Amino acid sequence: VGELMLARAEIKILQLKALENASIA
């Protein structure tokens, strides 16, 4: 799996704090 995975450094994230004030849209 480690040879095929998307490495941690490449993972896109959203911050929880920003999500608290956002909509599904």
mmCIF file of all heavy atoms, coordinates in Angstrom:
data_MODEL
# 
_entry.id   MODEL 
# 
loop_
_atom_site.group_PDB 
_atom_site.id 
_atom_site.type_symbol 
_atom_site.label_atom_id 
_atom_site.label_alt_id 
_atom_site.label_comp_id 
_atom_site.label_asym_id 
_atom_site.label_entity_id 
_atom_site.label_seq_id 
_atom_site.pdbx_PDB_ins_code 
_atom_site.Cartn_x 
_atom_site.Cartn_y 
_atom_site.Cartn_z 
_atom_site.occupancy 
_atom_site.B_iso_or_equiv 
_atom_site.pdbx_formal_charge 
_atom_site.auth_seq_id 
_atom_site.auth_comp_id 
_atom_site.auth_asym_id 
_atom_site.auth_atom_id 
_atom_site.pdbx_PDB_model_num 
ATOM 1   N N   . VAL A 1 1  ? 0.836   -1.208 0.000  1.00 0.00 ? 1  VAL A N   1 
ATOM 2   C CA  . VAL A 1 1  ? 0.000   0.000  0.000  1.00 0.00 ? 1  VAL A CA  1 
ATOM 3   C C   . VAL A 1 1  ? 0.867   1.254  0.000  1.00 0.00 ? 1  VAL A C   1 
ATOM 4   O O   . VAL A 1 1  ? 0.577   2.241  -0.685 1.00 0.00 ? 1  VAL A O   1 
ATOM 5   C CB  . VAL A 1 1  ? -0.951  -0.003 1.217  1.00 0.00 ? 1  VAL A CB  1 
ATOM 6   C CG1 . VAL A 1 1  ? -1.609  1.365  1.409  1.00 0.00 ? 1  VAL A CG1 1 
ATOM 7   C CG2 . VAL A 1 1  ? -2.015  -1.083 1.066  1.00 0.00 ? 1  VAL A CG2 1 
ATOM 8   N N   . GLY A 1 2  ? 1.961   1.223  0.774  1.00 0.00 ? 2  GLY A N   1 
ATOM 9   C CA  . GLY A 1 2  ? 2.838   2.380  0.882  1.00 0.00 ? 2  GLY A CA  1 
ATOM 10  C C   . GLY A 1 2  ? 3.451   2.820  -0.435 1.00 0.00 ? 2  GLY A C   1 
ATOM 11  O O   . GLY A 1 2  ? 3.868   3.969  -0.583 1.00 0.00 ? 2  GLY A O   1 
ATOM 12  N N   . GLU A 1 3  ? 3.509   1.907  -1.424 1.00 0.00 ? 3  GLU A N   1 
ATOM 13  C CA  . GLU A 1 3  ? 4.072   2.239  -2.729 1.00 0.00 ? 3  GLU A CA  1 
ATOM 14  C C   . GLU A 1 3  ? 3.057   2.911  -3.647 1.00 0.00 ? 3  GLU A C   1 
ATOM 15  O O   . GLU A 1 3  ? 3.434   3.509  -4.666 1.00 0.00 ? 3  GLU A O   1 
ATOM 16  C CB  . GLU A 1 3  ? 4.609   0.969  -3.397 1.00 0.00 ? 3  GLU A CB  1 
ATOM 17  C CG  . GLU A 1 3  ? 5.713   0.268  -2.621 1.00 0.00 ? 3  GLU A CG  1 
ATOM 18  C CD  . GLU A 1 3  ? 6.121   -1.040 -3.265 1.00 0.00 ? 3  GLU A CD  1 
ATOM 19  O OE1 . GLU A 1 3  ? 6.827   -0.992 -4.299 1.00 0.00 ? 3  GLU A OE1 1 
ATOM 20  O OE2 . GLU A 1 3  ? 5.728   -2.114 -2.758 1.00 0.00 ? 3  GLU A OE2 1 
ATOM 21  N N   . LEU A 1 4  ? 1.789   2.813  -3.312 1.00 0.00 ? 4  LEU A N   1 
ATOM 22  C CA  . LEU A 1 4  ? 0.723   3.336  -4.174 1.00 0.00 ? 4  LEU A CA  1 
ATOM 23  C C   . LEU A 1 4  ? -0.037  4.507  -3.563 1.00 0.00 ? 4  LEU A C   1 
ATOM 24  O O   . LEU A 1 4  ? -0.730  5.230  -4.272 1.00 0.00 ? 4  LEU A O   1 
ATOM 25  C CB  . LEU A 1 4  ? -0.289  2.215  -4.483 1.00 0.00 ? 4  LEU A CB  1 
ATOM 26  C CG  . LEU A 1 4  ? 0.257   0.997  -5.233 1.00 0.00 ? 4  LEU A CG  1 
ATOM 27  C CD1 . LEU A 1 4  ? -0.782  -0.119 -5.233 1.00 0.00 ? 4  LEU A CD1 1 
ATOM 28  C CD2 . LEU A 1 4  ? 0.639   1.372  -6.661 1.00 0.00 ? 4  LEU A CD2 1 
ATOM 29  N N   . MET A 1 5  ? 0.098   4.695  -2.289 1.00 0.00 ? 5  MET A N   1 
ATOM 30  C CA  . MET A 1 5  ? -0.706  5.690  -1.564 1.00 0.00 ? 5  MET A CA  1 
ATOM 31  C C   . MET A 1 5  ? -0.341  7.114  -1.957 1.00 0.00 ? 5  MET A C   1 
ATOM 32  O O   . MET A 1 5  ? 0.735   7.381  -2.518 1.00 0.00 ? 5  MET A O   1 
ATOM 33  C CB  . MET A 1 5  ? -0.507  5.525  -0.055 1.00 0.00 ? 5  MET A CB  1 
ATOM 34  C CG  . MET A 1 5  ? 0.880   5.929  0.418  1.00 0.00 ? 5  MET A CG  1 
ATOM 35  S SD  . MET A 1 5  ? 1.112   5.718  2.194  1.00 0.00 ? 5  MET A SD  1 
ATOM 36  C CE  . MET A 1 5  ? 2.743   6.480  2.397  1.00 0.00 ? 5  MET A CE  1 
ATOM 37  N N   . LEU A 1 6  ? -1.251  8.025  -1.634 1.00 0.00 ? 6  LEU A N   1 
ATOM 38  C CA  . LEU A 1 6  ? -0.957  9.461  -1.704 1.00 0.00 ? 6  LEU A CA  1 
ATOM 39  C C   . LEU A 1 6  ? -0.272  9.826  -0.397 1.00 0.00 ? 6  LEU A C   1 
ATOM 40  O O   . LEU A 1 6  ? -0.853  9.657  0.683  1.00 0.00 ? 6  LEU A O   1 
ATOM 41  C CB  . LEU A 1 6  ? -2.250  10.259 -1.879 1.00 0.00 ? 6  LEU A CB  1 
ATOM 42  C CG  . LEU A 1 6  ? -2.107  11.783 -1.963 1.00 0.00 ? 6  LEU A CG  1 
ATOM 43  C CD1 . LEU A 1 6  ? -1.411  12.180 -3.260 1.00 0.00 ? 6  LEU A CD1 1 
ATOM 44  C CD2 . LEU A 1 6  ? -3.470  12.454 -1.859 1.00 0.00 ? 6  LEU A CD2 1 
ATOM 45  N N   . ALA A 1 7  ? 0.953   10.304 -0.477 1.00 0.00 ? 7  ALA A N   1 
ATOM 46  C CA  . ALA A 1 7  ? 1.736   10.595 0.731  1.00 0.00 ? 7  ALA A CA  1 
ATOM 47  C C   . ALA A 1 7  ? 1.114   11.726 1.533  1.00 0.00 ? 7  ALA A C   1 
ATOM 48  O O   . ALA A 1 7  ? 0.449   12.614 0.989  1.00 0.00 ? 7  ALA A O   1 
ATOM 49  C CB  . ALA A 1 7  ? 3.166   10.946 0.360  1.00 0.00 ? 7  ALA A CB  1 
ATOM 50  N N   . ARG A 1 8  ? 1.341   11.699 2.820  1.00 0.00 ? 8  ARG A N   1 
ATOM 51  C CA  . ARG A 1 8  ? 0.769   12.685 3.742  1.00 0.00 ? 8  ARG A CA  1 
ATOM 52  C C   . ARG A 1 8  ? 1.031   14.128 3.293  1.00 0.00 ? 8  ARG A C   1 
ATOM 53  O O   . ARG A 1 8  ? 0.150   14.982 3.380  1.00 0.00 ? 8  ARG A O   1 
ATOM 54  C CB  . ARG A 1 8  ? 1.327   12.449 5.147  1.00 0.00 ? 8  ARG A CB  1 
ATOM 55  C CG  . ARG A 1 8  ? 0.877   13.493 6.168  1.00 0.00 ? 8  ARG A CG  1 
ATOM 56  C CD  . ARG A 1 8  ? 1.269   13.101 7.559  1.00 0.00 ? 8  ARG A CD  1 
ATOM 57  N NE  . ARG A 1 8  ? 0.905   14.142 8.529  1.00 0.00 ? 8  ARG A NE  1 
ATOM 58  C CZ  . ARG A 1 8  ? 0.704   13.927 9.818  1.00 0.00 ? 8  ARG A CZ  1 
ATOM 59  N NH1 . ARG A 1 8  ? 0.832   12.704 10.305 1.00 0.00 ? 8  ARG A NH1 1 
ATOM 60  N NH2 . ARG A 1 8  ? 0.386   14.920 10.634 1.00 0.00 ? 8  ARG A NH2 1 
ATOM 61  N N   . ALA A 1 9  ? 2.231   14.407 2.805  1.00 0.00 ? 9  ALA A N   1 
ATOM 62  C CA  . ALA A 1 9  ? 2.594   15.771 2.408  1.00 0.00 ? 9  ALA A CA  1 
ATOM 63  C C   . ALA A 1 9  ? 1.751   16.274 1.240  1.00 0.00 ? 9  ALA A C   1 
ATOM 64  O O   . ALA A 1 9  ? 1.670   17.484 1.010  1.00 0.00 ? 9  ALA A O   1 
ATOM 65  C CB  . ALA A 1 9  ? 4.074   15.828 2.039  1.00 0.00 ? 9  ALA A CB  1 
ATOM 66  N N   . GLU A 1 10 ? 1.128   15.359 0.492  1.00 0.00 ? 10 GLU A N   1 
ATOM 67  C CA  . GLU A 1 10 ? 0.335   15.741 -0.682 1.00 0.00 ? 10 GLU A CA  1 
ATOM 68  C C   . GLU A 1 10 ? -1.165  15.801 -0.394 1.00 0.00 ? 10 GLU A C   1 
ATOM 69  O O   . GLU A 1 10 ? -1.952  16.197 -1.256 1.00 0.00 ? 10 GLU A O   1 
ATOM 70  C CB  . GLU A 1 10 ? 0.583   14.753 -1.813 1.00 0.00 ? 10 GLU A CB  1 
ATOM 71  C CG  . GLU A 1 10 ? 2.030   14.669 -2.264 1.00 0.00 ? 10 GLU A CG  1 
ATOM 72  C CD  . GLU A 1 10 ? 2.228   13.606 -3.325 1.00 0.00 ? 10 GLU A CD  1 
ATOM 73  O OE1 . GLU A 1 10 ? 1.705   13.781 -4.436 1.00 0.00 ? 10 GLU A OE1 1 
ATOM 74  O OE2 . GLU A 1 10 ? 2.867   12.585 -3.021 1.00 0.00 ? 10 GLU A OE2 1 
ATOM 75  N N   . ILE A 1 11 ? -1.570  15.407 0.803  1.00 0.00 ? 11 ILE A N   1 
ATOM 76  C CA  . ILE A 1 11 ? -2.994  15.370 1.141  1.00 0.00 ? 11 ILE A CA  1 
ATOM 77  C C   . ILE A 1 11 ? -3.533  16.778 1.322  1.00 0.00 ? 11 ILE A C   1 
ATOM 78  O O   . ILE A 1 11 ? -2.945  17.602 2.019  1.00 0.00 ? 11 ILE A O   1 
ATOM 79  C CB  . ILE A 1 11 ? -3.229  14.557 2.438  1.00 0.00 ? 11 ILE A CB  1 
ATOM 80  C CG1 . ILE A 1 11 ? -2.794  13.101 2.238  1.00 0.00 ? 11 ILE A CG1 1 
ATOM 81  C CG2 . ILE A 1 11 ? -4.698  14.614 2.857  1.00 0.00 ? 11 ILE A CG2 1 
ATOM 82  C CD1 . ILE A 1 11 ? -2.840  12.276 3.517  1.00 0.00 ? 11 ILE A CD1 1 
ATOM 83  N N   . LYS A 1 12 ? -4.676  17.048 0.688  1.00 0.00 ? 12 LYS A N   1 
ATOM 84  C CA  . LYS A 1 12 ? -5.340  18.346 0.848  1.00 0.00 ? 12 LYS A CA  1 
ATOM 85  C C   . LYS A 1 12 ? -6.240  18.305 2.094  1.00 0.00 ? 12 LYS A C   1 
ATOM 86  O O   . LYS A 1 12 ? -6.906  17.302 2.346  1.00 0.00 ? 12 LYS A O   1 
ATOM 87  C CB  . LYS A 1 12 ? -6.190  18.672 -0.377 1.00 0.00 ? 12 LYS A CB  1 
ATOM 88  C CG  . LYS A 1 12 ? -5.390  18.793 -1.671 1.00 0.00 ? 12 LYS A CG  1 
ATOM 89  C CD  . LYS A 1 12 ? -4.441  19.984 -1.612 1.00 0.00 ? 12 LYS A CD  1 
ATOM 90  C CE  . LYS A 1 12 ? -3.791  20.253 -2.967 1.00 0.00 ? 12 LYS A CE  1 
ATOM 91  N NZ  . LYS A 1 12 ? -2.924  19.153 -3.425 1.00 0.00 ? 12 LYS A NZ  1 
ATOM 92  N N   . ILE A 1 13 ? -6.229  19.394 2.855  1.00 0.00 ? 13 ILE A N   1 
ATOM 93  C CA  . ILE A 1 13 ? -7.015  19.430 4.089  1.00 0.00 ? 13 ILE A CA  1 
ATOM 94  C C   . ILE A 1 13 ? -7.886  20.682 4.161  1.00 0.00 ? 13 ILE A C   1 
ATOM 95  O O   . ILE A 1 13 ? -7.638  21.667 3.468  1.00 0.00 ? 13 ILE A O   1 
ATOM 96  C CB  . ILE A 1 13 ? -6.116  19.380 5.344  1.00 0.00 ? 13 ILE A CB  1 
ATOM 97  C CG1 . ILE A 1 13 ? -5.356  20.718 5.496  1.00 0.00 ? 13 ILE A CG1 1 
ATOM 98  C CG2 . ILE A 1 13 ? -5.153  18.206 5.306  1.00 0.00 ? 13 ILE A CG2 1 
ATOM 99  C CD1 . ILE A 1 13 ? -4.795  20.951 6.875  1.00 0.00 ? 13 ILE A CD1 1 
ATOM 100 N N   . LEU A 1 14 ? -8.901  20.611 4.984  1.00 0.00 ? 14 LEU A N   1 
ATOM 101 C CA  . LEU A 1 14 ? -9.671  21.785 5.392  1.00 0.00 ? 14 LEU A CA  1 
ATOM 102 C C   . LEU A 1 14 ? -9.536  21.918 6.900  1.00 0.00 ? 14 LEU A C   1 
ATOM 103 O O   . LEU A 1 14 ? -9.483  20.905 7.607  1.00 0.00 ? 14 LEU A O   1 
ATOM 104 C CB  . LEU A 1 14 ? -11.150 21.629 5.023  1.00 0.00 ? 14 LEU A CB  1 
ATOM 105 C CG  . LEU A 1 14 ? -11.544 21.850 3.568  1.00 0.00 ? 14 LEU A CG  1 
ATOM 106 C CD1 . LEU A 1 14 ? -13.012 21.494 3.370  1.00 0.00 ? 14 LEU A CD1 1 
ATOM 107 C CD2 . LEU A 1 14 ? -11.291 23.296 3.144  1.00 0.00 ? 14 LEU A CD2 1 
ATOM 108 N N   . GLN A 1 15 ? -9.474  23.145 7.380  1.00 0.00 ? 15 GLN A N   1 
ATOM 109 C CA  . GLN A 1 15 ? -9.387  23.349 8.820  1.00 0.00 ? 15 GLN A CA  1 
ATOM 110 C C   . GLN A 1 15 ? -10.779 23.289 9.440  1.00 0.00 ? 15 GLN A C   1 
ATOM 111 O O   . GLN A 1 15 ? -11.746 23.824 8.886  1.00 0.00 ? 15 GLN A O   1 
ATOM 112 C CB  . GLN A 1 15 ? -8.733  24.691 9.135  1.00 0.00 ? 15 GLN A CB  1 
ATOM 113 C CG  . GLN A 1 15 ? -7.263  24.745 8.750  1.00 0.00 ? 15 GLN A CG  1 
ATOM 114 C CD  . GLN A 1 15 ? -6.599  26.047 9.163  1.00 0.00 ? 15 GLN A CD  1 
ATOM 115 O OE1 . GLN A 1 15 ? -7.260  27.012 9.520  1.00 0.00 ? 15 GLN A OE1 1 
ATOM 116 N NE2 . GLN A 1 15 ? -5.278  26.071 9.118  1.00 0.00 ? 15 GLN A NE2 1 
ATOM 117 N N   . LEU A 1 16 ? -10.869 22.625 10.580 1.00 0.00 ? 16 LEU A N   1 
ATOM 118 C CA  . LEU A 1 16 ? -12.147 22.460 11.270 1.00 0.00 ? 16 LEU A CA  1 
ATOM 119 C C   . LEU A 1 16 ? -12.775 23.812 11.593 1.00 0.00 ? 16 LEU A C   1 
ATOM 120 O O   . LEU A 1 16 ? -13.993 23.983 11.467 1.00 0.00 ? 16 LEU A O   1 
ATOM 121 C CB  . LEU A 1 16 ? -11.940 21.652 12.555 1.00 0.00 ? 16 LEU A CB  1 
ATOM 122 C CG  . LEU A 1 16 ? -13.182 21.379 13.403 1.00 0.00 ? 16 LEU A CG  1 
ATOM 123 C CD1 . LEU A 1 16 ? -14.216 20.576 12.614 1.00 0.00 ? 16 LEU A CD1 1 
ATOM 124 C CD2 . LEU A 1 16 ? -12.801 20.637 14.685 1.00 0.00 ? 16 LEU A CD2 1 
ATOM 125 N N   . LYS A 1 17 ? -11.964 24.771 11.994 1.00 0.00 ? 17 LYS A N   1 
ATOM 126 C CA  . LYS A 1 17 ? -12.485 26.094 12.363 1.00 0.00 ? 17 LYS A CA  1 
ATOM 127 C C   . LYS A 1 17 ? -13.181 26.747 11.174 1.00 0.00 ? 17 LYS A C   1 
ATOM 128 O O   . LYS A 1 17 ? -14.250 27.359 11.320 1.00 0.00 ? 17 LYS A O   1 
ATOM 129 C CB  . LYS A 1 17 ? -11.337 26.980 12.849 1.00 0.00 ? 17 LYS A CB  1 
ATOM 130 C CG  . LYS A 1 17 ? -11.786 28.230 13.608 1.00 0.00 ? 17 LYS A CG  1 
ATOM 131 C CD  . LYS A 1 17 ? -12.382 27.856 14.956 1.00 0.00 ? 17 LYS A CD  1 
ATOM 132 C CE  . LYS A 1 17 ? -12.747 29.098 15.750 1.00 0.00 ? 17 LYS A CE  1 
ATOM 133 N NZ  . LYS A 1 17 ? -13.412 28.764 17.034 1.00 0.00 ? 17 LYS A NZ  1 
ATOM 134 N N   . ALA A 1 18 ? -12.590 26.633 9.988  1.00 0.00 ? 18 ALA A N   1 
ATOM 135 C CA  . ALA A 1 18 ? -13.190 27.216 8.787  1.00 0.00 ? 18 ALA A CA  1 
ATOM 136 C C   . ALA A 1 18 ? -14.467 26.471 8.412  1.00 0.00 ? 18 ALA A C   1 
ATOM 137 O O   . ALA A 1 18 ? -15.439 27.071 7.949  1.00 0.00 ? 18 ALA A O   1 
ATOM 138 C CB  . ALA A 1 18 ? -12.195 27.169 7.635  1.00 0.00 ? 18 ALA A CB  1 
ATOM 139 N N   . LEU A 1 19 ? -14.467 25.165 8.641  1.00 0.00 ? 19 LEU A N   1 
ATOM 140 C CA  . LEU A 1 19 ? -15.630 24.341 8.299  1.00 0.00 ? 19 LEU A CA  1 
ATOM 141 C C   . LEU A 1 19 ? -16.839 24.701 9.149  1.00 0.00 ? 19 LEU A C   1 
ATOM 142 O O   . LEU A 1 19 ? -17.984 24.592 8.695  1.00 0.00 ? 19 LEU A O   1 
ATOM 143 C CB  . LEU A 1 19 ? -15.272 22.868 8.503  1.00 0.00 ? 19 LEU A CB  1 
ATOM 144 C CG  . LEU A 1 19 ? -16.060 21.834 7.692  1.00 0.00 ? 19 LEU A CG  1 
ATOM 145 C CD1 . LEU A 1 19 ? -15.835 22.040 6.208  1.00 0.00 ? 19 LEU A CD1 1 
ATOM 146 C CD2 . LEU A 1 19 ? -15.649 20.437 8.106  1.00 0.00 ? 19 LEU A CD2 1 
ATOM 147 N N   . GLU A 1 20 ? -16.590 25.139 10.378 1.00 0.00 ? 20 GLU A N   1 
ATOM 148 C CA  . GLU A 1 20 ? -17.682 25.481 11.295 1.00 0.00 ? 20 GLU A CA  1 
ATOM 149 C C   . GLU A 1 20 ? -18.529 26.642 10.781 1.00 0.00 ? 20 GLU A C   1 
ATOM 150 O O   . GLU A 1 20 ? -19.692 26.781 11.147 1.00 0.00 ? 20 GLU A O   1 
ATOM 151 C CB  . GLU A 1 20 ? -17.118 25.817 12.678 1.00 0.00 ? 20 GLU A CB  1 
ATOM 152 C CG  . GLU A 1 20 ? -16.532 24.606 13.401 1.00 0.00 ? 20 GLU A CG  1 
ATOM 153 C CD  . GLU A 1 20 ? -15.809 24.985 14.688 1.00 0.00 ? 20 GLU A CD  1 
ATOM 154 O OE1 . GLU A 1 20 ? -15.584 26.196 14.905 1.00 0.00 ? 20 GLU A OE1 1 
ATOM 155 O OE2 . GLU A 1 20 ? -15.456 24.085 15.456 1.00 0.00 ? 20 GLU A OE2 1 
ATOM 156 N N   . ASN A 1 21 ? -17.948 27.475 9.927  1.00 0.00 ? 21 ASN A N   1 
ATOM 157 C CA  . ASN A 1 21 ? -18.664 28.643 9.400  1.00 0.00 ? 21 ASN A CA  1 
ATOM 158 C C   . ASN A 1 21 ? -19.004 28.493 7.917  1.00 0.00 ? 21 ASN A C   1 
ATOM 159 O O   . ASN A 1 21 ? -19.352 29.469 7.254  1.00 0.00 ? 21 ASN A O   1 
ATOM 160 C CB  . ASN A 1 21 ? -17.815 29.902 9.599  1.00 0.00 ? 21 ASN A CB  1 
ATOM 161 C CG  . ASN A 1 21 ? -17.501 30.161 11.060 1.00 0.00 ? 21 ASN A CG  1 
ATOM 162 O OD1 . ASN A 1 21 ? -18.392 30.159 11.894 1.00 0.00 ? 21 ASN A OD1 1 
ATOM 163 N ND2 . ASN A 1 21 ? -16.235 30.361 11.374 1.00 0.00 ? 21 ASN A ND2 1 
ATOM 164 N N   . ALA A 1 22 ? -18.897 27.267 7.389  1.00 0.00 ? 22 ALA A N   1 
ATOM 165 C CA  . ALA A 1 22 ? -19.133 27.033 5.959  1.00 0.00 ? 22 ALA A CA  1 
ATOM 166 C C   . ALA A 1 22 ? -20.402 26.223 5.736  1.00 0.00 ? 22 ALA A C   1 
ATOM 167 O O   . ALA A 1 22 ? -20.934 25.586 6.646  1.00 0.00 ? 22 ALA A O   1 
ATOM 168 C CB  . ALA A 1 22 ? -17.936 26.303 5.349  1.00 0.00 ? 22 ALA A CB  1 
ATOM 169 N N   . SER A 1 23 ? -20.878 26.258 4.498  1.00 0.00 ? 23 SER A N   1 
ATOM 170 C CA  . SER A 1 23 ? -22.042 25.460 4.097  1.00 0.00 ? 23 SER A CA  1 
ATOM 171 C C   . SER A 1 23 ? -21.573 24.278 3.254  1.00 0.00 ? 23 SER A C   1 
ATOM 172 O O   . SER A 1 23 ? -20.404 24.216 2.829  1.00 0.00 ? 23 SER A O   1 
ATOM 173 C CB  . SER A 1 23 ? -23.015 26.311 3.281  1.00 0.00 ? 23 SER A CB  1 
ATOM 174 O OG  . SER A 1 23 ? -22.439 26.644 2.030  1.00 0.00 ? 23 SER A OG  1 
ATOM 175 N N   . ILE A 1 24 ? -22.484 23.347 2.994  1.00 0.00 ? 24 ILE A N   1 
ATOM 176 C CA  . ILE A 1 24 ? -22.161 22.224 2.118  1.00 0.00 ? 24 ILE A CA  1 
ATOM 177 C C   . ILE A 1 24 ? -21.773 22.746 0.736  1.00 0.00 ? 24 ILE A C   1 
ATOM 178 O O   . ILE A 1 24 ? -20.851 22.237 0.098  1.00 0.00 ? 24 ILE A O   1 
ATOM 179 C CB  . ILE A 1 24 ? -23.348 21.258 2.023  1.00 0.00 ? 24 ILE A CB  1 
ATOM 180 C CG1 . ILE A 1 24 ? -23.612 20.594 3.376  1.00 0.00 ? 24 ILE A CG1 1 
ATOM 181 C CG2 . ILE A 1 24 ? -23.092 20.192 0.955  1.00 0.00 ? 24 ILE A CG2 1 
ATOM 182 C CD1 . ILE A 1 24 ? -24.834 19.692 3.403  1.00 0.00 ? 24 ILE A CD1 1 
ATOM 183 N N   . ALA A 1 25 ? -22.462 23.787 0.271  1.00 0.00 ? 25 ALA A N   1 
ATOM 184 C CA  . ALA A 1 25 ? -22.154 24.378 -1.034 1.00 0.00 ? 25 ALA A CA  1 
ATOM 185 C C   . ALA A 1 25 ? -20.704 24.864 -1.084 1.00 0.00 ? 25 ALA A C   1 
ATOM 186 O O   . ALA A 1 25 ? -20.013 24.700 -2.105 1.00 0.00 ? 25 ALA A O   1 
ATOM 187 C CB  . ALA A 1 25 ? -23.105 25.538 -1.322 1.00 0.00 ? 25 ALA A CB  1 
# 
